[in-house]
């Protein structure tokens, strides 16, 4: 397991429903790839399973607004990491991914933000194992 507590990502506005938590660390475990854990620095019981949405939905596409780029200090698009929260129920085959509110992280500054894609057809509970239906599902 690779865990780097010195590599803290700051979400100054928190995450939706978890606004009081602003500092997280990304924990990777080889045996769980391509999934990661985004764990609160302040409360280890607050943890999210996340993944790169493009691995499952190669056509996933939206535009990062100039305001968000400025707020996160993004100077170079190569420093951007996009993650999505995954909900893993008792039956992992029924896992869903939130494509409507991706996490945008500037890897050079370790600043992050959860962006809600208003006016989007992407859902918040899209079946992870049915990539052909990324749009208009969940809600």
C-alpha atoms as a PDB file:
ATOM      1  CA  UNK A   1       0.000   0.000   0.000  1.00  0.00           C
ATOM      2  CA  UNK A   2       1.319   3.431  -0.930  1.00  0.00           C
ATOM      3  CA  UNK A   3       0.157   6.082   1.479  1.00  0.00           C
ATOM      4  CA  UNK A   4       1.654   9.553   1.536  1.00  0.00           C
ATOM      5  CA  UNK A   5       0.263  11.642   4.383  1.00  0.00           C
ATOM      6  CA  UNK A   6       2.592  14.479   3.327  1.00  0.00           C
ATOM      7  CA  UNK A   7       0.876  14.623  -0.047  1.00  0.00           C
ATOM      8  CA  UNK A   8      -2.296  16.417   1.066  1.00  0.00           C
ATOM      9  CA  UNK A   9      -4.895  17.641  -1.398  1.00  0.00           C
ATOM     10  CA  UNK A  10      -6.847  20.671  -0.209  1.00  0.00           C
ATOM     11  CA  UNK A  11     -10.458  21.066  -1.255  1.00  0.00           C
ATOM     12  CA  UNK A  12     -11.049  24.559   0.131  1.00  0.00           C
ATOM     13  CA  UNK A  13     -14.832  24.208  -0.311  1.00  0.00           C
ATOM     14  CA  UNK A  14     -14.877  20.577   0.803  1.00  0.00           C
ATOM     15  CA  UNK A  15     -16.851  17.930  -1.050  1.00  0.00           C
ATOM     16  CA  UNK A  16     -20.621  17.958  -1.515  1.00  0.00           C
ATOM     17  CA  UNK A  17     -22.198  16.891   1.760  1.00  0.00           C
ATOM     18  CA  UNK A  18     -18.787  16.877   3.468  1.00  0.00           C
ATOM     19  CA  UNK A  19     -17.951  20.584   3.351  1.00  0.00           C
ATOM     20  CA  UNK A  20     -16.332  20.589   6.798  1.00  0.00           C
ATOM     21  CA  UNK A  21     -13.520  18.341   5.555  1.00  0.00           C
ATOM     22  CA  UNK A  22     -11.038  20.143   3.349  1.00  0.00           C
ATOM     23  CA  UNK A  23      -7.834  18.125   3.476  1.00  0.00           C
ATOM     24  CA  UNK A  24      -7.551  14.680   1.951  1.00  0.00           C
ATOM     25  CA  UNK A  25      -4.856  12.277   0.952  1.00  0.00           C
ATOM     26  CA  UNK A  26      -5.052   9.937  -2.027  1.00  0.00           C
ATOM     27  CA  UNK A  27      -4.248   6.383  -0.987  1.00  0.00           C
ATOM     28  CA  UNK A  28      -3.350   3.803  -3.592  1.00  0.00           C
ATOM     29  CA  UNK A  29      -3.302   0.065  -3.061  1.00  0.00           C
ATOM     30  CA  UNK A  30      -1.960  -2.013  -5.934  1.00  0.00           C
ATOM     31  CA  UNK A  31      -4.501  -4.755  -5.356  1.00  0.00           C
ATOM     32  CA  UNK A  32      -7.376  -2.256  -5.731  1.00  0.00           C
ATOM     33  CA  UNK A  33      -6.230  -0.550  -8.941  1.00  0.00           C
ATOM     34  CA  UNK A  34      -7.711   1.292 -10.820  1.00  0.00           C
ATOM     35  CA  UNK A  35      -9.470   2.497  -7.653  1.00  0.00           C
ATOM     36  CA  UNK A  36      -8.065   4.762  -4.963  1.00  0.00           C
ATOM     37  CA  UNK A  37      -9.202   5.980  -1.563  1.00  0.00           C
ATOM     38  CA  UNK A  38      -9.572   9.699  -0.933  1.00  0.00           C
ATOM     39  CA  UNK A  39      -9.304   9.854   2.845  1.00  0.00           C
ATOM     40  CA  UNK A  40      -9.916  12.833   5.096  1.00  0.00           C
ATOM     41  CA  UNK A  41      -6.830  13.902   7.021  1.00  0.00           C
ATOM     42  CA  UNK A  42      -9.045  15.019   9.918  1.00  0.00           C
ATOM     43  CA  UNK A  43     -11.258  11.927  10.155  1.00  0.00           C
ATOM     44  CA  UNK A  44     -10.079   8.608   8.741  1.00  0.00           C
ATOM     45  CA  UNK A  45     -13.689   7.369   8.807  1.00  0.00           C
ATOM     46  CA  UNK A  46     -14.425   9.835   5.993  1.00  0.00           C
ATOM     47  CA  UNK A  47     -13.123   8.129   2.886  1.00  0.00           C
ATOM     48  CA  UNK A  48     -14.295   7.886  -0.710  1.00  0.00           C
ATOM     49  CA  UNK A  49     -13.536   5.323  -3.386  1.00  0.00           C
ATOM     50  CA  UNK A  50     -12.469   7.227  -6.500  1.00  0.00           C
ATOM     51  CA  UNK A  51     -11.219   6.394  -9.967  1.00  0.00           C
ATOM     52  CA  UNK A  52     -10.241   7.983 -13.249  1.00  0.00           C
ATOM     53  CA  UNK A  53     -13.591   8.207 -15.072  1.00  0.00           C
ATOM     54  CA  UNK A  54     -11.907   8.170 -18.483  1.00  0.00           C
ATOM     55  CA  UNK A  55     -10.780   4.573 -17.896  1.00  0.00           C
ATOM     56  CA  UNK A  56     -14.410   3.456 -17.888  1.00  0.00           C
ATOM     57  CA  UNK A  57     -15.947   6.166 -20.074  1.00  0.00           C
ATOM     58  CA  UNK A  58     -13.459   7.170 -22.794  1.00  0.00           C
ATOM     59  CA  UNK A  59     -16.040   9.526 -24.353  1.00  0.00           C
ATOM     60  CA  UNK A  60     -16.622  11.374 -21.059  1.00  0.00           C
ATOM     61  CA  UNK A  61     -16.218  15.017 -21.996  1.00  0.00           C
ATOM     62  CA  UNK A  62     -16.894  18.447 -20.522  1.00  0.00           C
ATOM     63  CA  UNK A  63     -15.223  21.822 -20.421  1.00  0.00           C
ATOM     64  CA  UNK A  64     -13.298  23.107 -17.415  1.00  0.00           C
ATOM     65  CA  UNK A  65     -14.324  26.726 -16.964  1.00  0.00           C
ATOM     66  CA  UNK A  66     -11.706  29.487 -16.871  1.00  0.00           C
ATOM     67  CA  UNK A  67     -13.008  30.453 -13.399  1.00  0.00           C
ATOM     68  CA  UNK A  68     -12.231  27.002 -12.004  1.00  0.00           C
ATOM     69  CA  UNK A  69      -8.851  26.957 -13.728  1.00  0.00           C
ATOM     70  CA  UNK A  70      -8.049  30.292 -12.111  1.00  0.00           C
ATOM     71  CA  UNK A  71      -9.342  29.254  -8.672  1.00  0.00           C
ATOM     72  CA  UNK A  72      -7.206  26.098  -8.738  1.00  0.00           C
ATOM     73  CA  UNK A  73      -4.183  27.933 -10.170  1.00  0.00           C
ATOM     74  CA  UNK A  74      -4.058  25.719 -13.265  1.00  0.00           C
ATOM     75  CA  UNK A  75      -1.407  27.035 -15.639  1.00  0.00           C
ATOM     76  CA  UNK A  76      -0.804  23.827 -17.574  1.00  0.00           C
ATOM     77  CA  UNK A  77      -3.482  21.241 -18.416  1.00  0.00           C
ATOM     78  CA  UNK A  78      -0.946  18.452 -17.921  1.00  0.00           C
ATOM     79  CA  UNK A  79      -1.112  19.093 -14.163  1.00  0.00           C
ATOM     80  CA  UNK A  80      -4.846  18.314 -13.973  1.00  0.00           C
ATOM     81  CA  UNK A  81      -6.090  15.077 -12.441  1.00  0.00           C
ATOM     82  CA  UNK A  82      -9.784  14.211 -12.820  1.00  0.00           C
ATOM     83  CA  UNK A  83     -11.368  11.687 -10.466  1.00  0.00           C
ATOM     84  CA  UNK A  84     -14.927  10.556  -9.870  1.00  0.00           C
ATOM     85  CA  UNK A  85     -16.480   9.146  -6.711  1.00  0.00           C
ATOM     86  CA  UNK A  86     -17.567   5.515  -6.934  1.00  0.00           C
ATOM     87  CA  UNK A  87     -20.278   3.955  -4.785  1.00  0.00           C
ATOM     88  CA  UNK A  88     -19.529   0.299  -4.095  1.00  0.00           C
ATOM     89  CA  UNK A  89     -22.554  -1.560  -2.645  1.00  0.00           C
ATOM     90  CA  UNK A  90     -22.542  -5.055  -1.135  1.00  0.00           C
ATOM     91  CA  UNK A  91     -22.579  -6.453  -4.673  1.00  0.00           C
ATOM     92  CA  UNK A  92     -19.608  -4.716  -6.364  1.00  0.00           C
ATOM     93  CA  UNK A  93     -21.075  -5.546  -9.787  1.00  0.00           C
ATOM     94  CA  UNK A  94     -23.718  -2.905  -9.031  1.00  0.00           C
ATOM     95  CA  UNK A  95     -21.155  -0.128  -8.411  1.00  0.00           C
ATOM     96  CA  UNK A  96     -21.993   3.321  -9.712  1.00  0.00           C
ATOM     97  CA  UNK A  97     -19.893   6.356 -10.579  1.00  0.00           C
ATOM     98  CA  UNK A  98     -20.721  10.046 -10.208  1.00  0.00           C
ATOM     99  CA  UNK A  99     -20.027  11.641 -13.578  1.00  0.00           C
ATOM    100  CA  UNK A 100     -22.002  14.814 -12.819  1.00  0.00           C
ATOM    101  CA  UNK A 101     -19.673  16.057 -10.061  1.00  0.00           C
ATOM    102  CA  UNK A 102     -16.050  15.176 -10.895  1.00  0.00           C
ATOM    103  CA  UNK A 103     -13.118  16.062  -8.669  1.00  0.00           C
ATOM    104  CA  UNK A 104     -10.603  18.340 -10.386  1.00  0.00           C
ATOM    105  CA  UNK A 105      -7.135  18.411  -8.830  1.00  0.00           C
ATOM    106  CA  UNK A 106      -4.187  20.591  -9.747  1.00  0.00           C
ATOM    107  CA  UNK A 107      -1.323  18.182  -9.029  1.00  0.00           C
ATOM    108  CA  UNK A 108       1.266  20.964  -8.989  1.00  0.00           C
ATOM    109  CA  UNK A 109      -0.470  22.941  -6.213  1.00  0.00           C
ATOM    110  CA  UNK A 110      -2.421  20.059  -4.587  1.00  0.00           C
ATOM    111  CA  UNK A 111      -5.585  22.183  -4.761  1.00  0.00           C
ATOM    112  CA  UNK A 112      -8.837  20.452  -5.647  1.00  0.00           C
ATOM    113  CA  UNK A 113     -12.489  21.180  -6.233  1.00  0.00           C
ATOM    114  CA  UNK A 114     -15.615  19.166  -6.821  1.00  0.00           C
ATOM    115  CA  UNK A 115     -17.239  20.603  -9.922  1.00  0.00           C
ATOM    116  CA  UNK A 116     -20.940  20.133 -10.541  1.00  0.00           C
ATOM    117  CA  UNK A 117     -21.584  19.949 -14.265  1.00  0.00           C
ATOM    118  CA  UNK A 118     -24.801  21.952 -14.516  1.00  0.00           C
ATOM    119  CA  UNK A 119     -26.660  21.595 -17.814  1.00  0.00           C
ATOM    120  CA  UNK A 120     -25.079  18.179 -18.262  1.00  0.00           C
ATOM    121  CA  UNK A 121     -26.610  14.891 -19.307  1.00  0.00           C
ATOM    122  CA  UNK A 122     -24.225  12.966 -17.032  1.00  0.00           C
ATOM    123  CA  UNK A 123     -25.734  11.251 -14.006  1.00  0.00           C
ATOM    124  CA  UNK A 124     -24.643  10.905 -10.399  1.00  0.00           C
ATOM    125  CA  UNK A 125     -25.247   7.151 -10.233  1.00  0.00           C
ATOM    126  CA  UNK A 126     -24.128   5.772 -13.568  1.00  0.00           C
ATOM    127  CA  UNK A 127     -23.558   1.998 -13.582  1.00  0.00           C
ATOM    128  CA  UNK A 128     -19.807   1.522 -13.665  1.00  0.00           C
ATOM    129  CA  UNK A 129     -19.958  -1.670 -15.685  1.00  0.00           C
ATOM    130  CA  UNK A 130     -22.187  -0.269 -18.434  1.00  0.00           C
ATOM    131  CA  UNK A 131     -19.973   2.407 -20.006  1.00  0.00           C
ATOM    132  CA  UNK A 132     -22.114   2.777 -23.112  1.00  0.00           C
ATOM    133  CA  UNK A 133     -24.747   4.570 -21.010  1.00  0.00           C
ATOM    134  CA  UNK A 134     -22.774   7.389 -19.373  1.00  0.00           C
ATOM    135  CA  UNK A 135     -25.413  10.020 -20.081  1.00  0.00           C
ATOM    136  CA  UNK A 136     -28.911  10.536 -18.726  1.00  0.00           C
ATOM    137  CA  UNK A 137     -28.711   7.961 -15.955  1.00  0.00           C
ATOM    138  CA  UNK A 138     -28.894   8.400 -12.239  1.00  0.00           C
ATOM    139  CA  UNK A 139     -30.147  11.464 -10.585  1.00  0.00           C
END
